[in-house]
Full PDB file with SEQRES, HELIX, SHEET, SSBOND, CRYST1, ORIGX, SCALE, CONECT and MASTER records, all heavy atoms in Angstrom:
SEQRES   1 A   37  GLU LEU PHE SER ILE HIS GLU ARG PHE ALA GLU TYR TYR          
SEQRES   2 A   37  SER PHE VAL LYS GLU SER PHE GLU GLU HIS ASN HIS THR          
SEQRES   3 A   37  LEU THR GLY MET GLY ILE ASN PRO TYR ARG LYS                  
HELIX    1 AA1 LEU A    2  GLU A   21  1                                  20    
CRYST1    1.000    1.000    1.000  90.00  90.00  90.00 P 1           1          
ORIGX1      1.000000  0.000000  0.000000        0.00000                         
ORIGX2      0.000000  1.000000  0.000000        0.00000                         
ORIGX3      0.000000  0.000000  1.000000        0.00000                         
SCALE1      1.000000  0.000000  0.000000        0.00000                         
SCALE2      0.000000  1.000000  0.000000        0.00000                         
SCALE3      0.000000  0.000000  1.000000        0.00000                         
ATOM      1  N   GLU A   1      -0.732 -17.118 -22.892  1.00  0.00           N  
ATOM      2  CA  GLU A   1      -1.662 -16.002 -22.959  1.00  0.00           C  
ATOM      3  C   GLU A   1      -1.411 -15.080 -21.757  1.00  0.00           C  
ATOM      4  O   GLU A   1      -0.765 -15.484 -20.787  1.00  0.00           O  
ATOM      5  CB  GLU A   1      -3.034 -16.323 -23.271  1.00  0.00           C  
ATOM      6  CG  GLU A   1      -3.556 -17.526 -22.275  1.00  0.00           C  
ATOM      7  CD  GLU A   1      -3.956 -16.931 -21.003  1.00  0.00           C  
ATOM      8  OE1 GLU A   1      -4.131 -15.660 -20.757  1.00  0.00           O  
ATOM      9  OE2 GLU A   1      -3.829 -17.730 -20.046  1.00  0.00           O  
ATOM     10  N   LEU A   2      -1.800 -13.761 -21.889  1.00  0.00           N  
ATOM     11  CA  LEU A   2      -1.552 -12.830 -20.989  1.00  0.00           C  
ATOM     12  C   LEU A   2      -2.461 -12.752 -19.727  1.00  0.00           C  
ATOM     13  O   LEU A   2      -2.111 -12.343 -18.708  1.00  0.00           O  
ATOM     14  CB  LEU A   2      -1.468 -11.430 -21.634  1.00  0.00           C  
ATOM     15  CG  LEU A   2      -0.434 -11.187 -22.609  1.00  0.00           C  
ATOM     16  CD1 LEU A   2      -0.523  -9.762 -23.225  1.00  0.00           C  
ATOM     17  CD2 LEU A   2       0.958 -11.371 -21.761  1.00  0.00           C  
ATOM     18  N   PHE A   3      -3.758 -13.208 -19.972  1.00  0.00           N  
ATOM     19  CA  PHE A   3      -4.630 -13.031 -18.787  1.00  0.00           C  
ATOM     20  C   PHE A   3      -4.250 -13.846 -17.634  1.00  0.00           C  
ATOM     21  O   PHE A   3      -4.486 -13.301 -16.419  1.00  0.00           O  
ATOM     22  CB  PHE A   3      -6.096 -13.461 -19.356  1.00  0.00           C  
ATOM     23  CG  PHE A   3      -6.708 -12.422 -20.237  1.00  0.00           C  
ATOM     24  CD1 PHE A   3      -6.804 -12.766 -21.645  1.00  0.00           C  
ATOM     25  CD2 PHE A   3      -7.212 -11.235 -19.802  1.00  0.00           C  
ATOM     26  CE1 PHE A   3      -7.365 -11.811 -22.524  1.00  0.00           C  
ATOM     27  CE2 PHE A   3      -7.758 -10.339 -20.723  1.00  0.00           C  
ATOM     28  CZ  PHE A   3      -7.811 -10.661 -22.054  1.00  0.00           C  
ATOM     29  N   SER A   4      -3.812 -15.056 -17.735  1.00  0.00           N  
ATOM     30  CA  SER A   4      -3.394 -15.820 -16.558  1.00  0.00           C  
ATOM     31  C   SER A   4      -2.284 -15.264 -15.963  1.00  0.00           C  
ATOM     32  O   SER A   4      -2.084 -15.234 -14.588  1.00  0.00           O  
ATOM     33  CB  SER A   4      -3.272 -17.250 -16.983  1.00  0.00           C  
ATOM     34  OG  SER A   4      -2.160 -17.499 -17.899  1.00  0.00           O  
ATOM     35  N   ILE A   5      -1.339 -14.643 -16.711  1.00  0.00           N  
ATOM     36  CA  ILE A   5      -0.085 -14.050 -16.046  1.00  0.00           C  
ATOM     37  C   ILE A   5      -0.631 -12.790 -15.301  1.00  0.00           C  
ATOM     38  O   ILE A   5      -0.258 -12.653 -14.129  1.00  0.00           O  
ATOM     39  CB  ILE A   5       0.789 -13.549 -17.217  1.00  0.00           C  
ATOM     40  CG1 ILE A   5       1.427 -14.874 -17.778  1.00  0.00           C  
ATOM     41  CG2 ILE A   5       1.862 -12.768 -16.533  1.00  0.00           C  
ATOM     42  CD1 ILE A   5       2.417 -14.501 -18.986  1.00  0.00           C  
ATOM     43  N   HIS A   6      -1.568 -11.951 -15.833  1.00  0.00           N  
ATOM     44  CA  HIS A   6      -1.993 -10.770 -15.175  1.00  0.00           C  
ATOM     45  C   HIS A   6      -2.720 -11.265 -14.027  1.00  0.00           C  
ATOM     46  O   HIS A   6      -2.431 -10.473 -12.854  1.00  0.00           O  
ATOM     47  CB  HIS A   6      -2.971 -10.004 -16.123  1.00  0.00           C  
ATOM     48  CG  HIS A   6      -3.582  -8.850 -15.493  1.00  0.00           C  
ATOM     49  ND1 HIS A   6      -4.857  -8.933 -14.870  1.00  0.00           N  
ATOM     50  CD2 HIS A   6      -3.159  -7.568 -15.233  1.00  0.00           C  
ATOM     51  CE1 HIS A   6      -5.066  -7.742 -14.406  1.00  0.00           C  
ATOM     52  NE2 HIS A   6      -4.101  -6.910 -14.530  1.00  0.00           N  
ATOM     53  N   GLU A   7      -3.563 -12.211 -13.909  1.00  0.00           N  
ATOM     54  CA  GLU A   7      -4.226 -12.543 -12.715  1.00  0.00           C  
ATOM     55  C   GLU A   7      -3.360 -13.015 -11.616  1.00  0.00           C  
ATOM     56  O   GLU A   7      -3.539 -12.487 -10.388  1.00  0.00           O  
ATOM     57  CB  GLU A   7      -5.223 -13.775 -13.086  1.00  0.00           C  
ATOM     58  CG  GLU A   7      -6.071 -14.171 -11.974  1.00  0.00           C  
ATOM     59  CD  GLU A   7      -6.987 -15.288 -12.307  1.00  0.00           C  
ATOM     60  OE1 GLU A   7      -7.023 -15.779 -13.461  1.00  0.00           O  
ATOM     61  OE2 GLU A   7      -7.741 -15.832 -11.380  1.00  0.00           O  
ATOM     62  N   ARG A   8      -2.307 -13.691 -11.864  1.00  0.00           N  
ATOM     63  CA  ARG A   8      -1.466 -14.151 -10.800  1.00  0.00           C  
ATOM     64  C   ARG A   8      -0.536 -12.985 -10.379  1.00  0.00           C  
ATOM     65  O   ARG A   8      -0.353 -12.884  -9.132  1.00  0.00           O  
ATOM     66  CB  ARG A   8      -0.444 -15.259 -11.305  1.00  0.00           C  
ATOM     67  CG  ARG A   8      -1.332 -16.564 -11.599  1.00  0.00           C  
ATOM     68  CD  ARG A   8      -0.385 -17.922 -11.565  1.00  0.00           C  
ATOM     69  NE  ARG A   8       0.867 -17.838 -12.434  1.00  0.00           N  
ATOM     70  CZ  ARG A   8       0.885 -18.138 -13.607  1.00  0.00           C  
ATOM     71  NH1 ARG A   8      -0.192 -18.473 -14.225  1.00  0.00           N  
ATOM     72  NH2 ARG A   8       2.058 -18.042 -14.211  1.00  0.00           N  
ATOM     73  N   PHE A   9      -0.084 -12.151 -11.266  1.00  0.00           N  
ATOM     74  CA  PHE A   9       0.749 -11.052 -10.944  1.00  0.00           C  
ATOM     75  C   PHE A   9      -0.051 -10.057  -9.848  1.00  0.00           C  
ATOM     76  O   PHE A   9       0.381  -9.546  -8.939  1.00  0.00           O  
ATOM     77  CB  PHE A   9       1.224 -10.210 -12.086  1.00  0.00           C  
ATOM     78  CG  PHE A   9       1.815  -8.953 -11.835  1.00  0.00           C  
ATOM     79  CD1 PHE A   9       2.885  -8.627 -11.263  1.00  0.00           C  
ATOM     80  CD2 PHE A   9       1.028  -7.815 -12.164  1.00  0.00           C  
ATOM     81  CE1 PHE A   9       3.467  -7.399 -10.841  1.00  0.00           C  
ATOM     82  CE2 PHE A   9       1.562  -6.511 -11.761  1.00  0.00           C  
ATOM     83  CZ  PHE A   9       2.698  -6.335 -11.176  1.00  0.00           C  
ATOM     84  N   ALA A  10      -1.281  -9.773 -10.298  1.00  0.00           N  
ATOM     85  CA  ALA A  10      -2.147  -8.989  -9.549  1.00  0.00           C  
ATOM     86  C   ALA A  10      -2.318  -9.610  -8.219  1.00  0.00           C  
ATOM     87  O   ALA A  10      -2.293  -8.634  -7.178  1.00  0.00           O  
ATOM     88  CB  ALA A  10      -3.549  -8.717 -10.303  1.00  0.00           C  
ATOM     89  N   GLU A  11      -2.482 -10.709  -8.030  1.00  0.00           N  
ATOM     90  CA  GLU A  11      -2.657 -11.456  -6.780  1.00  0.00           C  
ATOM     91  C   GLU A  11      -1.471 -11.210  -5.863  1.00  0.00           C  
ATOM     92  O   GLU A  11      -1.443 -10.799  -4.739  1.00  0.00           O  
ATOM     93  CB  GLU A  11      -3.200 -12.895  -6.828  1.00  0.00           C  
ATOM     94  CG  GLU A  11      -3.267 -13.464  -5.589  1.00  0.00           C  
ATOM     95  CD  GLU A  11      -3.692 -14.976  -5.643  1.00  0.00           C  
ATOM     96  OE1 GLU A  11      -4.006 -15.457  -6.803  1.00  0.00           O  
ATOM     97  OE2 GLU A  11      -3.844 -15.602  -4.631  1.00  0.00           O  
ATOM     98  N   TYR A  12      -0.356 -11.627  -6.444  1.00  0.00           N  
ATOM     99  CA  TYR A  12       0.902 -11.519  -5.671  1.00  0.00           C  
ATOM    100  C   TYR A  12       1.131  -9.978  -5.285  1.00  0.00           C  
ATOM    101  O   TYR A  12       1.523  -9.754  -4.163  1.00  0.00           O  
ATOM    102  CB  TYR A  12       2.156 -12.010  -6.420  1.00  0.00           C  
ATOM    103  CG  TYR A  12       2.058 -13.383  -7.017  1.00  0.00           C  
ATOM    104  CD1 TYR A  12       2.748 -13.787  -8.190  1.00  0.00           C  
ATOM    105  CD2 TYR A  12       1.168 -14.358  -6.261  1.00  0.00           C  
ATOM    106  CE1 TYR A  12       2.470 -15.065  -8.677  1.00  0.00           C  
ATOM    107  CE2 TYR A  12       1.127 -15.644  -6.722  1.00  0.00           C  
ATOM    108  CZ  TYR A  12       1.894 -16.029  -7.971  1.00  0.00           C  
ATOM    109  OH  TYR A  12       1.864 -17.419  -8.249  1.00  0.00           O  
ATOM    110  N   TYR A  13       1.073  -9.126  -6.250  1.00  0.00           N  
ATOM    111  CA  TYR A  13       1.303  -7.725  -6.046  1.00  0.00           C  
ATOM    112  C   TYR A  13       0.547  -7.213  -4.969  1.00  0.00           C  
ATOM    113  O   TYR A  13       1.028  -6.394  -4.038  1.00  0.00           O  
ATOM    114  CB  TYR A  13       1.268  -6.943  -7.332  1.00  0.00           C  
ATOM    115  CG  TYR A  13       1.434  -5.450  -7.128  1.00  0.00           C  
ATOM    116  CD1 TYR A  13       2.695  -4.800  -7.168  1.00  0.00           C  
ATOM    117  CD2 TYR A  13       0.349  -4.538  -6.967  1.00  0.00           C  
ATOM    118  CE1 TYR A  13       2.913  -3.526  -6.986  1.00  0.00           C  
ATOM    119  CE2 TYR A  13       0.464  -3.245  -6.752  1.00  0.00           C  
ATOM    120  CZ  TYR A  13       1.814  -2.708  -6.801  1.00  0.00           C  
ATOM    121  OH  TYR A  13       2.035  -1.330  -6.607  1.00  0.00           O  
ATOM    122  N   SER A  14      -0.762  -7.399  -4.876  1.00  0.00           N  
ATOM    123  CA  SER A  14      -1.724  -6.928  -4.024  1.00  0.00           C  
ATOM    124  C   SER A  14      -1.368  -7.363  -2.747  1.00  0.00           C  
ATOM    125  O   SER A  14      -1.312  -6.517  -1.660  1.00  0.00           O  
ATOM    126  CB  SER A  14      -3.186  -7.165  -4.451  1.00  0.00           C  
ATOM    127  OG  SER A  14      -3.501  -6.783  -5.591  1.00  0.00           O  
ATOM    128  N   PHE A  15      -1.071  -8.612  -2.528  1.00  0.00           N  
ATOM    129  CA  PHE A  15      -0.667  -9.107  -1.132  1.00  0.00           C  
ATOM    130  C   PHE A  15       0.587  -8.475  -0.637  1.00  0.00           C  
ATOM    131  O   PHE A  15       0.628  -8.138   0.500  1.00  0.00           O  
ATOM    132  CB  PHE A  15      -0.526 -10.791  -1.392  1.00  0.00           C  
ATOM    133  CG  PHE A  15      -0.063 -11.305   0.066  1.00  0.00           C  
ATOM    134  CD1 PHE A  15      -1.034 -11.717   0.999  1.00  0.00           C  
ATOM    135  CD2 PHE A  15       1.233 -11.624   0.306  1.00  0.00           C  
ATOM    136  CE1 PHE A  15      -0.818 -12.373   2.169  1.00  0.00           C  
ATOM    137  CE2 PHE A  15       1.582 -12.153   1.536  1.00  0.00           C  
ATOM    138  CZ  PHE A  15       0.648 -12.471   2.526  1.00  0.00           C  
ATOM    139  N   VAL A  16       1.619  -8.367  -1.507  1.00  0.00           N  
ATOM    140  CA  VAL A  16       2.866  -7.844  -1.018  1.00  0.00           C  
ATOM    141  C   VAL A  16       2.744  -6.233  -0.721  1.00  0.00           C  
ATOM    142  O   VAL A  16       3.243  -5.823   0.311  1.00  0.00           O  
ATOM    143  CB  VAL A  16       3.913  -8.063  -2.109  1.00  0.00           C  
ATOM    144  CG1 VAL A  16       5.239  -7.304  -1.661  1.00  0.00           C  
ATOM    145  CG2 VAL A  16       4.323  -9.571  -2.367  1.00  0.00           C  
ATOM    146  N   LYS A  17       2.067  -5.588  -1.519  1.00  0.00           N  
ATOM    147  CA  LYS A  17       1.902  -4.093  -1.402  1.00  0.00           C  
ATOM    148  C   LYS A  17       1.113  -3.864  -0.014  1.00  0.00           C  
ATOM    149  O   LYS A  17       1.411  -3.033   0.714  1.00  0.00           O  
ATOM    150  CB  LYS A  17       1.092  -3.516  -2.511  1.00  0.00           C  
ATOM    151  CG  LYS A  17       0.979  -1.987  -2.403  1.00  0.00           C  
ATOM    152  CD  LYS A  17       0.460  -1.503  -3.747  1.00  0.00           C  
ATOM    153  CE  LYS A  17       0.429   0.129  -3.698  1.00  0.00           C  
ATOM    154  NZ  LYS A  17      -0.727   0.603  -2.890  1.00  0.00           N  
ATOM    155  N   GLU A  18       0.057  -4.594   0.151  1.00  0.00           N  
ATOM    156  CA  GLU A  18      -0.764  -4.549   1.387  1.00  0.00           C  
ATOM    157  C   GLU A  18       0.077  -4.828   2.585  1.00  0.00           C  
ATOM    158  O   GLU A  18      -0.043  -4.161   3.630  1.00  0.00           O  
ATOM    159  CB  GLU A  18      -2.047  -5.306   1.377  1.00  0.00           C  
ATOM    160  CG  GLU A  18      -3.070  -4.826   0.425  1.00  0.00           C  
ATOM    161  CD  GLU A  18      -4.103  -5.783   0.075  1.00  0.00           C  
ATOM    162  OE1 GLU A  18      -4.233  -6.820   0.951  1.00  0.00           O  
ATOM    163  OE2 GLU A  18      -5.005  -5.537  -0.854  1.00  0.00           O  
ATOM    164  N   SER A  19       0.881  -5.863   2.496  1.00  0.00           N  
ATOM    165  CA  SER A  19       1.774  -6.191   3.620  1.00  0.00           C  
ATOM    166  C   SER A  19       2.821  -5.128   3.986  1.00  0.00           C  
ATOM    167  O   SER A  19       3.087  -4.836   5.078  1.00  0.00           O  
ATOM    168  CB  SER A  19       2.400  -7.574   3.294  1.00  0.00           C  
ATOM    169  OG  SER A  19       1.576  -8.637   3.086  1.00  0.00           O  
ATOM    170  N   PHE A  20       3.427  -4.478   2.915  1.00  0.00           N  
ATOM    171  CA  PHE A  20       4.261  -3.453   3.047  1.00  0.00           C  
ATOM    172  C   PHE A  20       3.697  -2.313   3.762  1.00  0.00           C  
ATOM    173  O   PHE A  20       4.316  -1.611   4.591  1.00  0.00           O  
ATOM    174  CB  PHE A  20       5.104  -3.135   1.746  1.00  0.00           C  
ATOM    175  CG  PHE A  20       6.297  -3.793   1.577  1.00  0.00           C  
ATOM    176  CD1 PHE A  20       6.497  -4.760   0.482  1.00  0.00           C  
ATOM    177  CD2 PHE A  20       7.429  -3.724   2.353  1.00  0.00           C  
ATOM    178  CE1 PHE A  20       7.535  -5.405   0.149  1.00  0.00           C  
ATOM    179  CE2 PHE A  20       8.557  -4.320   2.089  1.00  0.00           C  
ATOM    180  CZ  PHE A  20       8.677  -5.238   0.954  1.00  0.00           C  
ATOM    181  N   GLU A  21       2.401  -1.947   3.340  1.00  0.00           N  
ATOM    182  CA  GLU A  21       1.764  -0.760   3.905  1.00  0.00           C  
ATOM    183  C   GLU A  21       1.326  -0.876   5.279  1.00  0.00           C  
ATOM    184  O   GLU A  21       1.249   0.211   5.945  1.00  0.00           O  
ATOM    185  CB  GLU A  21       0.463  -0.440   2.995  1.00  0.00           C  
ATOM    186  CG  GLU A  21       1.014  -0.062   1.528  1.00  0.00           C  
ATOM    187  CD  GLU A  21      -0.212   0.220   0.608  1.00  0.00           C  
ATOM    188  OE1 GLU A  21      -1.283  -0.233   0.834  1.00  0.00           O  
ATOM    189  OE2 GLU A  21      -0.041   0.873  -0.436  1.00  0.00           O  
ATOM    190  N   GLU A  22       1.364  -2.124   5.822  1.00  0.00           N  
ATOM    191  CA  GLU A  22       1.161  -2.246   7.305  1.00  0.00           C  
ATOM    192  C   GLU A  22       2.432  -1.667   8.082  1.00  0.00           C  
ATOM    193  O   GLU A  22       2.325  -1.489   9.177  1.00  0.00           O  
ATOM    194  CB  GLU A  22       1.047  -3.702   7.630  1.00  0.00           C  
ATOM    195  CG  GLU A  22      -0.245  -4.322   7.087  1.00  0.00           C  
ATOM    196  CD  GLU A  22      -0.436  -5.798   7.179  1.00  0.00           C  
ATOM    197  OE1 GLU A  22       0.540  -6.437   7.920  1.00  0.00           O  
ATOM    198  OE2 GLU A  22      -1.455  -6.402   6.841  1.00  0.00           O  
ATOM    199  N   HIS A  23       3.462  -1.503   7.327  1.00  0.00           N  
ATOM    200  CA  HIS A  23       4.839  -0.932   7.978  1.00  0.00           C  
ATOM    201  C   HIS A  23       5.158   0.372   7.350  1.00  0.00           C  
ATOM    202  O   HIS A  23       6.265   0.795   7.350  1.00  0.00           O  
ATOM    203  CB  HIS A  23       5.909  -1.972   7.703  1.00  0.00           C  
ATOM    204  CG  HIS A  23       5.635  -3.432   8.326  1.00  0.00           C  
ATOM    205  ND1 HIS A  23       6.049  -3.746   9.501  1.00  0.00           N  
ATOM    206  CD2 HIS A  23       5.056  -4.367   7.661  1.00  0.00           C  
ATOM    207  CE1 HIS A  23       5.666  -5.009   9.788  1.00  0.00           C  
ATOM    208  NE2 HIS A  23       5.020  -5.404   8.673  1.00  0.00           N  
ATOM    209  N   ASN A  24       4.107   1.074   6.903  1.00  0.00           N  
ATOM    210  CA  ASN A  24       4.395   2.352   6.205  1.00  0.00           C  
ATOM    211  C   ASN A  24       5.366   2.331   5.053  1.00  0.00           C  
ATOM    212  O   ASN A  24       6.221   3.313   4.991  1.00  0.00           O  
ATOM    213  CB  ASN A  24       4.784   3.492   7.193  1.00  0.00           C  
ATOM    214  CG  ASN A  24       4.306   4.851   6.745  1.00  0.00           C  
ATOM    215  OD1 ASN A  24       3.110   4.883   6.061  1.00  0.00           O  
ATOM    216  ND2 ASN A  24       4.994   5.842   7.045  1.00  0.00           N  
ATOM    217  N   HIS A  25       5.531   1.184   4.379  1.00  0.00           N  
ATOM    218  CA  HIS A  25       6.211   1.122   3.138  1.00  0.00           C  
ATOM    219  C   HIS A  25       5.243   0.931   2.053  1.00  0.00           C  
ATOM    220  O   HIS A  25       4.099   0.544   2.363  1.00  0.00           O  
ATOM    221  CB  HIS A  25       7.161  -0.125   3.225  1.00  0.00           C  
ATOM    222  CG  HIS A  25       8.288  -0.012   4.097  1.00  0.00           C  
ATOM    223  ND1 HIS A  25       8.255   0.409   5.379  1.00  0.00           N  
ATOM    224  CD2 HIS A  25       9.678  -0.167   3.759  1.00  0.00           C  
ATOM    225  CE1 HIS A  25       9.588   0.429   5.928  1.00  0.00           C  
ATOM    226  NE2 HIS A  25      10.384   0.090   4.936  1.00  0.00           N  
ATOM    227  N   THR A  26       5.632   1.022   0.839  1.00  0.00           N  
ATOM    228  CA  THR A  26       4.731   0.744  -0.214  1.00  0.00           C  
ATOM    229  C   THR A  26       5.488   0.302  -1.486  1.00  0.00           C  
ATOM    230  O   THR A  26       6.830   0.244  -1.545  1.00  0.00           O  
ATOM    231  CB  THR A  26       3.910   2.006  -0.699  1.00  0.00           C  
ATOM    232  OG1 THR A  26       2.736   1.513  -1.549  1.00  0.00           O  
ATOM    233  CG2 THR A  26       4.619   3.085  -1.188  1.00  0.00           C  
ATOM    234  N   LEU A  27       4.895  -0.050  -2.571  1.00  0.00           N  
ATOM    235  CA  LEU A  27       5.450  -0.298  -3.915  1.00  0.00           C  
ATOM    236  C   LEU A  27       4.912   0.771  -4.886  1.00  0.00           C  
ATOM    237  O   LEU A  27       3.799   1.166  -4.771  1.00  0.00           O  
ATOM    238  CB  LEU A  27       5.129  -1.751  -4.224  1.00  0.00           C  
ATOM    239  CG  LEU A  27       5.382  -2.993  -3.407  1.00  0.00           C  
ATOM    240  CD1 LEU A  27       4.936  -4.274  -4.016  1.00  0.00           C  
ATOM    241  CD2 LEU A  27       6.862  -2.953  -3.126  1.00  0.00           C  
ATOM    242  N   THR A  28       5.768   0.956  -5.934  1.00  0.00           N  
ATOM    243  CA  THR A  28       5.290   1.804  -6.940  1.00  0.00           C  
ATOM    244  C   THR A  28       5.864   1.472  -8.411  1.00  0.00           C  
ATOM    245  O   THR A  28       6.876   0.878  -8.454  1.00  0.00           O  
ATOM    246  CB  THR A  28       5.598   3.299  -6.601  1.00  0.00           C  
ATOM    247  OG1 THR A  28       4.965   4.251  -7.493  1.00  0.00           O  
ATOM    248  CG2 THR A  28       7.080   3.555  -6.726  1.00  0.00           C  
ATOM    249  N   GLY A  29       5.062   1.812  -9.377  1.00  0.00           N  
ATOM    250  CA  GLY A  29       5.547   1.475 -10.625  1.00  0.00           C  
ATOM    251  C   GLY A  29       6.381   2.658 -11.257  1.00  0.00           C  
ATOM    252  O   GLY A  29       5.921   3.388 -12.232  1.00  0.00           O  
ATOM    253  N   MET A  30       7.617   2.810 -10.900  1.00  0.00           N  
ATOM    254  CA  MET A  30       8.516   3.699 -11.469  1.00  0.00           C  
ATOM    255  C   MET A  30       9.835   3.163 -11.799  1.00  0.00           C  
ATOM    256  O   MET A  30      10.266   2.320 -11.064  1.00  0.00           O  
ATOM    257  CB  MET A  30       8.571   4.887 -10.468  1.00  0.00           C  
ATOM    258  CG  MET A  30       7.413   5.590 -10.098  1.00  0.00           C  
ATOM    259  SD  MET A  30       7.464   6.815  -8.755  1.00  0.00           S  
ATOM    260  CE  MET A  30       8.304   8.195  -9.730  1.00  0.00           C  
ATOM    261  N   GLY A  31      10.440   3.563 -12.941  1.00  0.00           N  
ATOM    262  CA  GLY A  31      11.777   2.964 -13.359  1.00  0.00           C  
ATOM    263  C   GLY A  31      12.941   3.403 -12.500  1.00  0.00           C  
ATOM    264  O   GLY A  31      13.873   2.569 -12.622  1.00  0.00           O  
ATOM    265  N   ILE A  32      12.862   4.463 -11.792  1.00  0.00           N  
ATOM    266  CA  ILE A  32      13.934   4.825 -10.894  1.00  0.00           C  
ATOM    267  C   ILE A  32      13.237   5.151  -9.560  1.00  0.00           C  
ATOM    268  O   ILE A  32      12.332   5.941  -9.575  1.00  0.00           O  
ATOM    269  CB  ILE A  32      14.776   5.951 -11.469  1.00  0.00           C  
ATOM    270  CG1 ILE A  32      15.582   5.697 -12.647  1.00  0.00           C  
ATOM    271  CG2 ILE A  32      15.625   6.571 -10.341  1.00  0.00           C  
ATOM    272  CD1 ILE A  32      16.456   6.731 -13.176  1.00  0.00           C  
ATOM    273  N   ASN A  33      13.789   4.600  -8.469  1.00  0.00           N  
ATOM    274  CA  ASN A  33      13.262   4.846  -7.057  1.00  0.00           C  
ATOM    275  C   ASN A  33      13.372   6.300  -6.736  1.00  0.00           C  
ATOM    276  O   ASN A  33      14.506   6.770  -6.635  1.00  0.00           O  
ATOM    277  CB  ASN A  33      14.008   3.966  -6.270  1.00  0.00           C  
ATOM    278  CG  ASN A  33      13.216   3.794  -4.758  1.00  0.00           C  
ATOM    279  OD1 ASN A  33      12.692   4.852  -4.280  1.00  0.00           O  
ATOM    280  ND2 ASN A  33      13.374   2.706  -4.206  1.00  0.00           N  
ATOM    281  N   PRO A  34      12.267   7.106  -6.628  1.00  0.00           N  
ATOM    282  CA  PRO A  34      12.245   8.416  -6.334  1.00  0.00           C  
ATOM    283  C   PRO A  34      12.772   8.670  -4.846  1.00  0.00           C  
ATOM    284  O   PRO A  34      13.218   9.859  -4.569  1.00  0.00           O  
ATOM    285  CB  PRO A  34      10.861   8.876  -6.356  1.00  0.00           C  
ATOM    286  CG  PRO A  34      10.039   7.609  -6.059  1.00  0.00           C  
ATOM    287  CD  PRO A  34      10.885   6.493  -6.624  1.00  0.00           C  
ATOM    288  N   TYR A  35      12.878   7.641  -3.989  1.00  0.00           N  
ATOM    289  CA  TYR A  35      13.432   7.738  -2.699  1.00  0.00           C  
ATOM    290  C   TYR A  35      14.859   7.142  -2.539  1.00  0.00           C  
ATOM    291  O   TYR A  35      15.182   6.757  -1.460  1.00  0.00           O  
ATOM    292  CB  TYR A  35      12.489   7.034  -1.631  1.00  0.00           C  
ATOM    293  CG  TYR A  35      11.275   7.922  -1.177  1.00  0.00           C  
ATOM    294  CD1 TYR A  35      10.957   9.088  -1.860  1.00  0.00           C  
ATOM    295  CD2 TYR A  35      10.596   7.449  -0.123  1.00  0.00           C  
ATOM    296  CE1 TYR A  35       9.857   9.862  -1.348  1.00  0.00           C  
ATOM    297  CE2 TYR A  35       9.434   8.326   0.420  1.00  0.00           C  
ATOM    298  CZ  TYR A  35       9.120   9.460  -0.147  1.00  0.00           C  
ATOM    299  OH  TYR A  35       8.011  10.316   0.134  1.00  0.00           O  
ATOM    300  N   ARG A  36      15.524   6.957  -3.617  1.00  0.00           N  
ATOM    301  CA  ARG A  36      16.711   6.204  -3.581  1.00  0.00           C  
ATOM    302  C   ARG A  36      17.713   6.867  -2.561  1.00  0.00           C  
ATOM    303  O   ARG A  36      18.553   6.171  -2.019  1.00  0.00           O  
ATOM    304  CB  ARG A  36      17.300   6.152  -5.000  1.00  0.00           C  
ATOM    305  CG  ARG A  36      17.731   7.570  -5.483  1.00  0.00           C  
ATOM    306  CD  ARG A  36      18.114   7.551  -7.016  1.00  0.00           C  
ATOM    307  NE  ARG A  36      18.332   8.909  -7.444  1.00  0.00           N  
ATOM    308  CZ  ARG A  36      17.490   9.783  -7.723  1.00  0.00           C  
ATOM    309  NH1 ARG A  36      16.166   9.535  -7.659  1.00  0.00           N  
ATOM    310  NH2 ARG A  36      17.835  10.965  -8.057  1.00  0.00           N  
ATOM    311  N   LYS A  37      17.760   8.307  -2.419  1.00  0.00           N  
ATOM    312  CA  LYS A  37      18.734   8.879  -1.588  1.00  0.00           C  
ATOM    313  C   LYS A  37      18.540   8.565  -0.137  1.00  0.00           C  
ATOM    314  O   LYS A  37      19.370   8.658   0.691  1.00  0.00           O  
ATOM    315  CB  LYS A  37      18.504  10.501  -1.748  1.00  0.00           C  
ATOM    316  CG  LYS A  37      17.240  11.057  -1.262  1.00  0.00           C  
ATOM    317  CD  LYS A  37      17.214  12.552  -1.537  1.00  0.00           C  
ATOM    318  CE  LYS A  37      16.048  13.250  -0.919  1.00  0.00           C  
ATOM    319  NZ  LYS A  37      16.028  14.700  -1.086  1.00  0.00           N  
TER     320      LYS A  37                                                      
MASTER        0    0    0    1    0    0    0    6  319    1    0    3          
END                                                                             
């Protein structure tokens, strides 16, 4: 089922995103990286 997958994904994602933001990096939900250049 999807709920347990969502719960674990949300936990991992939140931890990683917050960690990156401590270094002025971030994560985003886009299919092509807008900062690729």
